[in-house]
N, C-alpha and C. Protein backbone atom coordinates (compact mmCIF):
# COMPACT_ATOMS: atom_id res chain seq x y z
N MET A 1 10.15 -13.49 -24.86
CA MET A 1 9.72 -13.83 -23.52
C MET A 1 9.07 -12.62 -22.85
N HIS A 2 9.66 -11.42 -23.06
CA HIS A 2 9.11 -10.22 -22.45
C HIS A 2 7.68 -9.99 -22.93
N TYR A 3 7.43 -10.23 -24.24
CA TYR A 3 6.11 -10.01 -24.78
C TYR A 3 5.09 -10.92 -24.11
N THR A 4 5.46 -12.17 -23.87
CA THR A 4 4.58 -13.10 -23.18
C THR A 4 4.24 -12.58 -21.79
N TYR A 5 5.23 -12.05 -21.09
CA TYR A 5 5.01 -11.49 -19.77
C TYR A 5 4.02 -10.33 -19.84
N VAL A 6 4.19 -9.45 -20.82
CA VAL A 6 3.28 -8.30 -20.97
C VAL A 6 1.85 -8.78 -21.23
N LEU A 7 1.70 -9.78 -22.11
CA LEU A 7 0.36 -10.31 -22.39
C LEU A 7 -0.29 -10.89 -21.14
N LEU A 8 0.48 -11.67 -20.39
CA LEU A 8 -0.07 -12.28 -19.18
C LEU A 8 -0.40 -11.22 -18.13
N LYS A 9 0.42 -10.19 -18.04
CA LYS A 9 0.15 -9.11 -17.09
C LYS A 9 -1.15 -8.40 -17.45
N ARG A 10 -1.36 -8.12 -18.75
CA ARG A 10 -2.61 -7.50 -19.20
C ARG A 10 -3.81 -8.38 -18.84
N LEU A 11 -3.65 -9.67 -19.09
CA LEU A 11 -4.72 -10.61 -18.80
C LEU A 11 -5.07 -10.59 -17.32
N LEU A 12 -4.06 -10.63 -16.47
CA LEU A 12 -4.30 -10.62 -15.03
C LEU A 12 -5.01 -9.34 -14.59
N LEU A 13 -4.61 -8.21 -15.16
CA LEU A 13 -5.28 -6.95 -14.82
C LEU A 13 -6.73 -6.96 -15.26
N ARG A 14 -7.00 -7.47 -16.46
CA ARG A 14 -8.39 -7.56 -16.94
C ARG A 14 -9.22 -8.44 -16.01
N ARG A 15 -8.65 -9.59 -15.65
CA ARG A 15 -9.40 -10.52 -14.79
C ARG A 15 -9.63 -9.91 -13.41
N ARG A 16 -8.61 -9.22 -12.86
CA ARG A 16 -8.78 -8.60 -11.55
C ARG A 16 -9.87 -7.55 -11.61
N ASN A 17 -9.86 -6.73 -12.65
CA ASN A 17 -10.88 -5.69 -12.79
C ASN A 17 -12.26 -6.30 -12.95
N ARG A 18 -12.36 -7.38 -13.74
CA ARG A 18 -13.65 -8.04 -13.93
C ARG A 18 -14.14 -8.63 -12.61
N LEU A 19 -13.25 -9.22 -11.83
CA LEU A 19 -13.62 -9.79 -10.55
C LEU A 19 -14.08 -8.70 -9.59
N GLU A 20 -13.34 -7.58 -9.55
CA GLU A 20 -13.73 -6.48 -8.67
C GLU A 20 -15.11 -5.92 -9.06
N ARG A 21 -15.35 -5.75 -10.35
CA ARG A 21 -16.66 -5.27 -10.79
C ARG A 21 -17.75 -6.25 -10.43
N HIS A 22 -17.46 -7.53 -10.57
CA HIS A 22 -18.43 -8.57 -10.27
C HIS A 22 -18.89 -8.47 -8.82
N TRP A 23 -17.96 -8.38 -7.90
CA TRP A 23 -18.33 -8.34 -6.48
C TRP A 23 -18.89 -6.98 -6.08
N ARG A 24 -18.40 -5.91 -6.70
CA ARG A 24 -18.88 -4.57 -6.37
C ARG A 24 -20.36 -4.42 -6.72
N PHE A 25 -20.77 -5.08 -7.80
CA PHE A 25 -22.16 -4.95 -8.24
C PHE A 25 -23.04 -6.10 -7.77
N GLY A 26 -22.60 -6.79 -6.74
CA GLY A 26 -23.45 -7.78 -6.09
C GLY A 26 -23.52 -9.12 -6.76
N GLY A 27 -22.57 -9.44 -7.60
CA GLY A 27 -22.58 -10.75 -8.25
C GLY A 27 -22.32 -11.85 -7.24
N ASN A 28 -22.97 -12.97 -7.40
CA ASN A 28 -22.73 -14.07 -6.48
C ASN A 28 -22.36 -15.36 -7.18
N ALA A 29 -22.26 -15.34 -8.50
CA ALA A 29 -21.82 -16.54 -9.21
C ALA A 29 -20.32 -16.67 -9.03
N PRO A 30 -19.84 -17.88 -8.86
CA PRO A 30 -18.41 -18.04 -8.64
C PRO A 30 -17.60 -17.70 -9.89
N ILE A 31 -16.54 -16.97 -9.71
CA ILE A 31 -15.59 -16.67 -10.77
C ILE A 31 -14.25 -17.18 -10.29
N ILE A 32 -13.63 -18.00 -11.09
CA ILE A 32 -12.33 -18.53 -10.70
C ILE A 32 -11.27 -17.53 -11.12
N PHE A 33 -10.45 -17.13 -10.18
CA PHE A 33 -9.37 -16.19 -10.49
C PHE A 33 -8.10 -16.73 -9.87
N ALA A 34 -7.16 -17.07 -10.68
CA ALA A 34 -5.90 -17.60 -10.19
C ALA A 34 -4.78 -16.67 -10.58
N PRO A 35 -4.09 -16.08 -9.60
CA PRO A 35 -3.02 -15.15 -9.94
C PRO A 35 -1.93 -15.76 -10.81
N ASN A 36 -1.78 -17.06 -10.80
CA ASN A 36 -0.75 -17.69 -11.62
C ASN A 36 -1.26 -18.07 -13.01
N CYS A 37 -2.43 -17.62 -13.40
CA CYS A 37 -3.03 -17.85 -14.72
C CYS A 37 -3.42 -19.31 -14.92
N ALA A 38 -3.53 -20.09 -13.88
CA ALA A 38 -3.89 -21.49 -14.03
C ALA A 38 -5.26 -21.67 -14.67
N SER A 39 -6.15 -20.70 -14.48
CA SER A 39 -7.49 -20.83 -15.05
C SER A 39 -7.52 -20.43 -16.52
N PHE A 40 -6.45 -19.86 -17.01
CA PHE A 40 -6.37 -19.47 -18.41
C PHE A 40 -5.59 -20.54 -19.16
N LEU A 41 -6.26 -21.35 -19.95
CA LEU A 41 -5.67 -22.53 -20.54
C LEU A 41 -5.02 -22.30 -21.90
N MET A 42 -5.28 -21.16 -22.52
CA MET A 42 -4.75 -20.92 -23.85
C MET A 42 -3.22 -21.04 -23.83
N LYS A 43 -2.72 -21.71 -24.85
CA LYS A 43 -1.28 -21.87 -24.99
C LYS A 43 -0.78 -20.83 -25.99
N HIS A 44 0.47 -20.43 -25.83
CA HIS A 44 1.05 -19.39 -26.68
C HIS A 44 2.20 -19.97 -27.49
N LEU A 45 2.18 -19.70 -28.79
CA LEU A 45 3.20 -20.21 -29.69
C LEU A 45 3.83 -19.06 -30.47
N GLU A 46 5.14 -19.10 -30.63
CA GLU A 46 5.81 -18.17 -31.54
C GLU A 46 5.34 -18.51 -32.96
N PRO A 47 5.44 -17.58 -33.90
CA PRO A 47 4.95 -17.86 -35.25
C PRO A 47 5.53 -19.14 -35.87
N ARG A 48 6.82 -19.34 -35.76
CA ARG A 48 7.42 -20.54 -36.35
C ARG A 48 6.94 -21.81 -35.63
N GLU A 49 6.76 -21.73 -34.32
CA GLU A 49 6.21 -22.87 -33.57
C GLU A 49 4.79 -23.18 -34.03
N ALA A 50 4.00 -22.13 -34.24
CA ALA A 50 2.63 -22.31 -34.71
C ALA A 50 2.61 -22.97 -36.09
N TYR A 51 3.50 -22.53 -36.96
CA TYR A 51 3.59 -23.12 -38.30
C TYR A 51 3.90 -24.61 -38.21
N GLU A 52 4.88 -24.96 -37.39
CA GLU A 52 5.25 -26.37 -37.21
C GLU A 52 4.10 -27.16 -36.57
N PHE A 53 3.44 -26.55 -35.59
CA PHE A 53 2.30 -27.20 -34.95
C PHE A 53 1.21 -27.51 -35.97
N LEU A 54 0.90 -26.55 -36.82
CA LEU A 54 -0.12 -26.74 -37.85
C LEU A 54 0.29 -27.82 -38.85
N LYS A 55 1.56 -27.85 -39.22
CA LYS A 55 2.04 -28.88 -40.15
C LYS A 55 1.93 -30.27 -39.53
N ASN A 56 2.20 -30.37 -38.23
CA ASN A 56 2.22 -31.67 -37.55
C ASN A 56 0.87 -32.10 -37.00
N ASN A 57 -0.13 -31.24 -37.04
CA ASN A 57 -1.47 -31.54 -36.53
C ASN A 57 -2.48 -31.22 -37.61
N ALA A 58 -2.69 -32.18 -38.49
CA ALA A 58 -3.57 -31.96 -39.64
C ALA A 58 -5.01 -31.65 -39.23
N ASN A 59 -5.41 -32.03 -38.03
CA ASN A 59 -6.78 -31.76 -37.59
C ASN A 59 -6.94 -30.38 -36.95
N ALA A 60 -5.84 -29.65 -36.80
CA ALA A 60 -5.92 -28.30 -36.22
C ALA A 60 -6.59 -27.34 -37.20
N VAL A 61 -7.30 -26.37 -36.65
CA VAL A 61 -7.97 -25.35 -37.46
C VAL A 61 -7.27 -24.02 -37.20
N PHE A 62 -6.89 -23.34 -38.27
CA PHE A 62 -6.16 -22.07 -38.19
C PHE A 62 -7.14 -20.94 -38.48
N ILE A 63 -7.40 -20.10 -37.48
CA ILE A 63 -8.39 -19.03 -37.61
C ILE A 63 -7.73 -17.67 -37.50
N ASP A 64 -7.96 -16.84 -38.50
CA ASP A 64 -7.50 -15.45 -38.50
C ASP A 64 -8.67 -14.62 -37.99
N CYS A 65 -8.52 -13.99 -36.84
CA CYS A 65 -9.65 -13.26 -36.24
C CYS A 65 -9.54 -11.75 -36.44
N ARG A 66 -8.78 -11.33 -37.45
CA ARG A 66 -8.74 -9.91 -37.79
C ARG A 66 -9.98 -9.52 -38.61
N SER A 67 -10.06 -8.27 -38.95
CA SER A 67 -11.20 -7.81 -39.75
C SER A 67 -11.08 -8.33 -41.18
N GLU A 68 -12.19 -8.27 -41.89
CA GLU A 68 -12.19 -8.72 -43.28
C GLU A 68 -11.23 -7.89 -44.13
N MET A 69 -11.17 -6.58 -43.89
CA MET A 69 -10.28 -5.72 -44.67
C MET A 69 -8.81 -6.06 -44.42
N GLU A 70 -8.46 -6.31 -43.16
CA GLU A 70 -7.08 -6.72 -42.85
C GLU A 70 -6.75 -8.03 -43.57
N TYR A 71 -7.65 -8.97 -43.46
CA TYR A 71 -7.45 -10.29 -44.06
C TYR A 71 -7.24 -10.18 -45.57
N LEU A 72 -8.09 -9.40 -46.23
CA LEU A 72 -8.02 -9.31 -47.68
C LEU A 72 -6.87 -8.44 -48.18
N PHE A 73 -6.68 -7.28 -47.57
CA PHE A 73 -5.75 -6.30 -48.15
C PHE A 73 -4.36 -6.30 -47.52
N VAL A 74 -4.25 -6.64 -46.25
CA VAL A 74 -2.93 -6.71 -45.63
C VAL A 74 -2.30 -8.07 -45.92
N GLY A 75 -3.14 -9.07 -46.07
CA GLY A 75 -2.69 -10.42 -46.32
C GLY A 75 -3.04 -11.31 -45.14
N HIS A 76 -2.85 -12.60 -45.31
CA HIS A 76 -3.18 -13.56 -44.26
C HIS A 76 -2.34 -14.81 -44.42
N PRO A 77 -2.15 -15.54 -43.34
CA PRO A 77 -1.40 -16.79 -43.44
C PRO A 77 -2.10 -17.75 -44.39
N ALA A 78 -1.33 -18.44 -45.19
CA ALA A 78 -1.90 -19.43 -46.11
C ALA A 78 -2.63 -20.49 -45.29
N GLY A 79 -3.86 -20.79 -45.69
CA GLY A 79 -4.65 -21.82 -45.03
C GLY A 79 -5.49 -21.34 -43.86
N ALA A 80 -5.36 -20.08 -43.50
CA ALA A 80 -6.15 -19.55 -42.37
C ALA A 80 -7.58 -19.27 -42.82
N ILE A 81 -8.51 -19.54 -41.93
CA ILE A 81 -9.93 -19.26 -42.15
C ILE A 81 -10.25 -17.93 -41.48
N LEU A 82 -10.97 -17.07 -42.17
CA LEU A 82 -11.35 -15.78 -41.58
C LEU A 82 -12.61 -15.93 -40.74
N VAL A 83 -12.48 -15.58 -39.45
CA VAL A 83 -13.63 -15.46 -38.55
C VAL A 83 -13.32 -14.21 -37.71
N PRO A 84 -13.80 -13.04 -38.12
CA PRO A 84 -13.44 -11.80 -37.41
C PRO A 84 -13.92 -11.78 -35.96
N TRP A 85 -13.04 -11.35 -35.07
CA TRP A 85 -13.42 -11.13 -33.67
C TRP A 85 -14.19 -9.82 -33.57
N ASN A 86 -13.68 -8.78 -34.21
CA ASN A 86 -14.43 -7.53 -34.33
C ASN A 86 -14.22 -6.98 -35.73
N ASP A 87 -15.23 -6.28 -36.21
CA ASP A 87 -15.20 -5.86 -37.61
C ASP A 87 -16.21 -4.74 -37.81
N GLY A 88 -16.29 -4.30 -39.02
CA GLY A 88 -17.30 -3.31 -39.39
C GLY A 88 -16.89 -1.89 -39.07
N PRO A 89 -17.75 -0.97 -39.42
CA PRO A 89 -17.40 0.44 -39.26
C PRO A 89 -17.26 0.86 -37.79
N ASN A 90 -17.95 0.18 -36.89
CA ASN A 90 -17.87 0.57 -35.47
C ASN A 90 -16.92 -0.31 -34.66
N TRP A 91 -16.26 -1.26 -35.35
CA TRP A 91 -15.27 -2.12 -34.71
C TRP A 91 -15.87 -2.85 -33.52
N GLU A 92 -17.09 -3.32 -33.70
CA GLU A 92 -17.80 -4.02 -32.63
C GLU A 92 -17.40 -5.48 -32.59
N ILE A 93 -17.45 -6.06 -31.40
CA ILE A 93 -17.16 -7.48 -31.24
C ILE A 93 -18.24 -8.28 -31.97
N ASN A 94 -17.82 -9.25 -32.71
CA ASN A 94 -18.71 -10.10 -33.48
C ASN A 94 -19.50 -11.00 -32.51
N PRO A 95 -20.80 -10.79 -32.36
CA PRO A 95 -21.58 -11.61 -31.43
C PRO A 95 -21.70 -13.07 -31.87
N ASP A 96 -21.39 -13.34 -33.14
CA ASP A 96 -21.49 -14.70 -33.68
C ASP A 96 -20.13 -15.39 -33.81
N PHE A 97 -19.10 -14.80 -33.21
CA PHE A 97 -17.76 -15.36 -33.36
C PHE A 97 -17.71 -16.83 -32.95
N VAL A 98 -18.16 -17.14 -31.76
CA VAL A 98 -18.10 -18.52 -31.27
C VAL A 98 -18.94 -19.44 -32.15
N ALA A 99 -20.11 -18.98 -32.56
CA ALA A 99 -20.98 -19.81 -33.41
C ALA A 99 -20.30 -20.11 -34.75
N HIS A 100 -19.61 -19.12 -35.31
CA HIS A 100 -18.91 -19.35 -36.59
C HIS A 100 -17.75 -20.33 -36.41
N VAL A 101 -17.06 -20.23 -35.28
CA VAL A 101 -15.96 -21.18 -35.02
C VAL A 101 -16.53 -22.59 -34.85
N LYS A 102 -17.67 -22.69 -34.16
CA LYS A 102 -18.30 -24.01 -33.98
C LYS A 102 -18.65 -24.63 -35.33
N LYS A 103 -19.07 -23.80 -36.30
CA LYS A 103 -19.39 -24.32 -37.63
C LYS A 103 -18.14 -24.83 -38.34
N ALA A 104 -16.99 -24.19 -38.07
CA ALA A 104 -15.76 -24.53 -38.76
C ALA A 104 -15.03 -25.72 -38.14
N THR A 105 -15.34 -26.05 -36.89
CA THR A 105 -14.59 -27.08 -36.19
C THR A 105 -15.44 -27.75 -35.12
N SER A 106 -14.81 -28.57 -34.31
CA SER A 106 -15.48 -29.20 -33.18
C SER A 106 -14.68 -28.91 -31.92
N PHE A 107 -15.28 -29.20 -30.77
CA PHE A 107 -14.67 -28.86 -29.49
C PHE A 107 -13.36 -29.59 -29.23
N ASP A 108 -13.18 -30.75 -29.83
CA ASP A 108 -11.99 -31.55 -29.52
C ASP A 108 -10.82 -31.33 -30.49
N ARG A 109 -10.96 -30.41 -31.42
CA ARG A 109 -9.86 -30.11 -32.35
C ARG A 109 -9.07 -28.90 -31.87
N PRO A 110 -7.76 -28.90 -32.08
CA PRO A 110 -6.97 -27.72 -31.72
C PRO A 110 -7.34 -26.54 -32.60
N ILE A 111 -7.41 -25.37 -31.99
CA ILE A 111 -7.70 -24.13 -32.70
C ILE A 111 -6.53 -23.20 -32.50
N VAL A 112 -5.94 -22.75 -33.60
CA VAL A 112 -4.83 -21.81 -33.56
C VAL A 112 -5.37 -20.47 -34.04
N LEU A 113 -5.26 -19.44 -33.17
CA LEU A 113 -5.77 -18.11 -33.49
C LEU A 113 -4.63 -17.16 -33.81
N ILE A 114 -4.86 -16.32 -34.81
CA ILE A 114 -3.89 -15.28 -35.15
C ILE A 114 -4.65 -13.98 -35.40
N CYS A 115 -4.03 -12.87 -35.03
CA CYS A 115 -4.58 -11.54 -35.35
C CYS A 115 -3.41 -10.68 -35.83
N ARG A 116 -3.50 -9.39 -35.72
CA ARG A 116 -2.43 -8.53 -36.22
C ARG A 116 -1.17 -8.64 -35.37
N SER A 117 -1.32 -8.50 -34.04
CA SER A 117 -0.13 -8.47 -33.18
C SER A 117 -0.22 -9.40 -31.98
N GLY A 118 -1.26 -10.21 -31.91
CA GLY A 118 -1.38 -11.17 -30.81
C GLY A 118 -2.22 -10.71 -29.65
N ASN A 119 -2.92 -9.59 -29.76
CA ASN A 119 -3.74 -9.09 -28.66
C ASN A 119 -5.21 -9.50 -28.76
N ARG A 120 -5.81 -9.33 -29.92
CA ARG A 120 -7.22 -9.70 -30.09
C ARG A 120 -7.44 -11.18 -29.83
N THR A 121 -6.45 -11.99 -30.14
CA THR A 121 -6.59 -13.42 -29.96
C THR A 121 -6.77 -13.80 -28.49
N LEU A 122 -6.29 -12.97 -27.58
CA LEU A 122 -6.49 -13.26 -26.15
C LEU A 122 -7.97 -13.22 -25.80
N ASP A 123 -8.66 -12.18 -26.24
CA ASP A 123 -10.09 -12.07 -25.96
C ASP A 123 -10.88 -13.13 -26.73
N ALA A 124 -10.52 -13.34 -28.00
CA ALA A 124 -11.21 -14.34 -28.81
C ALA A 124 -11.00 -15.74 -28.22
N GLY A 125 -9.79 -16.02 -27.80
CA GLY A 125 -9.49 -17.32 -27.20
C GLY A 125 -10.22 -17.55 -25.90
N ARG A 126 -10.31 -16.50 -25.10
CA ARG A 126 -11.04 -16.61 -23.83
C ARG A 126 -12.52 -16.91 -24.11
N ALA A 127 -13.10 -16.27 -25.12
CA ALA A 127 -14.50 -16.54 -25.48
C ALA A 127 -14.67 -18.00 -25.90
N LEU A 128 -13.72 -18.51 -26.65
CA LEU A 128 -13.80 -19.91 -27.08
C LEU A 128 -13.67 -20.86 -25.88
N GLU A 129 -12.76 -20.55 -24.98
CA GLU A 129 -12.61 -21.40 -23.79
C GLU A 129 -13.86 -21.37 -22.93
N GLU A 130 -14.46 -20.20 -22.79
CA GLU A 130 -15.69 -20.10 -22.01
C GLU A 130 -16.83 -20.88 -22.67
N ALA A 131 -16.75 -21.06 -24.00
CA ALA A 131 -17.77 -21.82 -24.73
C ALA A 131 -17.48 -23.32 -24.71
N GLY A 132 -16.36 -23.72 -24.13
CA GLY A 132 -16.07 -25.14 -23.98
C GLY A 132 -14.91 -25.68 -24.81
N PHE A 133 -14.30 -24.86 -25.64
CA PHE A 133 -13.14 -25.33 -26.40
C PHE A 133 -11.96 -25.49 -25.45
N THR A 134 -11.23 -26.58 -25.60
CA THR A 134 -10.17 -26.90 -24.64
C THR A 134 -8.76 -26.81 -25.22
N GLN A 135 -8.63 -26.76 -26.52
CA GLN A 135 -7.31 -26.71 -27.14
C GLN A 135 -7.18 -25.43 -27.98
N VAL A 136 -6.96 -24.33 -27.30
CA VAL A 136 -6.87 -23.04 -27.97
C VAL A 136 -5.43 -22.54 -27.90
N TYR A 137 -4.92 -22.10 -29.04
CA TYR A 137 -3.54 -21.62 -29.14
C TYR A 137 -3.54 -20.20 -29.71
N ASN A 138 -2.66 -19.37 -29.18
CA ASN A 138 -2.49 -17.99 -29.62
C ASN A 138 -1.14 -17.88 -30.31
N VAL A 139 -1.11 -17.28 -31.49
CA VAL A 139 0.16 -17.01 -32.17
C VAL A 139 0.69 -15.68 -31.64
N LEU A 140 1.75 -15.78 -30.84
CA LEU A 140 2.37 -14.57 -30.30
C LEU A 140 2.86 -13.68 -31.44
N HIS A 141 2.75 -12.41 -31.27
CA HIS A 141 3.18 -11.38 -32.22
C HIS A 141 2.28 -11.28 -33.44
N GLY A 142 1.35 -12.23 -33.63
CA GLY A 142 0.37 -12.16 -34.70
C GLY A 142 0.96 -12.19 -36.10
N PHE A 143 0.20 -11.66 -37.03
CA PHE A 143 0.60 -11.67 -38.44
C PHE A 143 1.63 -10.59 -38.74
N GLU A 144 1.45 -9.40 -38.15
CA GLU A 144 2.32 -8.28 -38.48
C GLU A 144 3.33 -7.92 -37.40
N GLY A 145 3.17 -8.43 -36.19
CA GLY A 145 4.13 -8.15 -35.13
C GLY A 145 3.91 -6.83 -34.43
N GLU A 146 4.79 -6.56 -33.48
CA GLU A 146 4.70 -5.32 -32.70
C GLU A 146 5.25 -4.14 -33.48
N LEU A 147 4.96 -2.97 -32.98
CA LEU A 147 5.51 -1.75 -33.56
C LEU A 147 6.99 -1.65 -33.22
N ASP A 148 7.78 -1.15 -34.18
CA ASP A 148 9.19 -0.91 -33.90
C ASP A 148 9.36 0.53 -33.42
N GLU A 149 10.59 0.97 -33.30
CA GLU A 149 10.85 2.33 -32.80
C GLU A 149 10.32 3.42 -33.73
N LYS A 150 10.05 3.09 -34.99
CA LYS A 150 9.47 4.03 -35.94
C LYS A 150 7.95 3.88 -36.01
N HIS A 151 7.38 3.08 -35.13
CA HIS A 151 5.94 2.80 -35.10
C HIS A 151 5.46 2.11 -36.37
N GLN A 152 6.28 1.18 -36.86
CA GLN A 152 5.93 0.39 -38.04
C GLN A 152 5.94 -1.08 -37.66
N ARG A 153 5.12 -1.84 -38.33
CA ARG A 153 5.05 -3.28 -38.08
C ARG A 153 5.83 -4.04 -39.16
N ASN A 154 5.91 -5.35 -39.02
CA ASN A 154 6.57 -6.25 -39.97
C ASN A 154 8.08 -6.08 -40.02
N SER A 155 8.66 -5.49 -39.00
CA SER A 155 10.10 -5.27 -39.04
C SER A 155 10.85 -5.96 -37.91
N THR A 156 10.13 -6.51 -36.93
CA THR A 156 10.83 -7.17 -35.82
C THR A 156 10.28 -8.56 -35.50
N THR A 157 8.97 -8.73 -35.58
CA THR A 157 8.36 -10.01 -35.22
C THR A 157 7.12 -10.24 -36.08
N GLY A 158 6.55 -11.40 -35.93
CA GLY A 158 5.28 -11.70 -36.60
C GLY A 158 5.42 -12.78 -37.66
N TRP A 159 4.28 -13.31 -38.06
CA TRP A 159 4.19 -14.39 -39.04
C TRP A 159 4.88 -13.98 -40.34
N ARG A 160 4.52 -12.81 -40.84
CA ARG A 160 5.07 -12.36 -42.13
C ARG A 160 6.56 -12.07 -42.02
N TYR A 161 6.98 -11.45 -40.92
CA TYR A 161 8.40 -11.15 -40.71
C TYR A 161 9.23 -12.42 -40.70
N GLU A 162 8.67 -13.50 -40.15
CA GLU A 162 9.38 -14.77 -40.06
C GLU A 162 9.49 -15.47 -41.43
N GLY A 163 8.82 -14.92 -42.45
CA GLY A 163 8.88 -15.50 -43.78
C GLY A 163 8.03 -16.73 -43.95
N LEU A 164 7.01 -16.85 -43.12
CA LEU A 164 6.11 -18.01 -43.18
C LEU A 164 5.10 -17.79 -44.31
N PRO A 165 4.49 -18.87 -44.82
CA PRO A 165 3.59 -18.75 -45.98
C PRO A 165 2.39 -17.82 -45.72
N TRP A 166 2.19 -16.91 -46.64
CA TRP A 166 1.05 -16.01 -46.56
C TRP A 166 0.63 -15.63 -47.97
N GLU A 167 -0.59 -15.10 -48.06
CA GLU A 167 -1.12 -14.69 -49.35
C GLU A 167 -1.94 -13.41 -49.19
N GLN A 168 -2.17 -12.79 -50.32
CA GLN A 168 -2.89 -11.53 -50.32
C GLN A 168 -3.85 -11.49 -51.49
N CYS A 169 -5.04 -10.94 -51.26
CA CYS A 169 -6.04 -10.87 -52.34
C CYS A 169 -5.85 -9.63 -53.18
């Protein structure tokens, strides 16, 4: 629960900063900003909830938005499609992310996003929502989970920690 609060707090700060920049630089297009996150429709699922959701919704599309190297060498959830949010040597945001997702699915199908720890999926999900997708889900804690007290992953939370199906190339 605490992690969800931290994610929502980060989101609110990003939106507040974006709104302030918008008005400071003379923007006049309306931006909806709701302190209670009502304008942010993405739903958040624990890894086991996401697994059950995917099993019970055959039309859902499972997208891993980590880099290609993470997907191949760290491993990935079984059945996940790779569509990197950012990748490459400069770790730039993929300008074709939404277009690639559109090729893999349609606007009316649920999309479940996973990344390493559940942070990149917030930005990727927001981009999908802005493009018109209405059923976007974020896997909390991601594939590898948060860092523990030794600054290591896979020891407290995450898809792999939960023992859910995954594979490695």
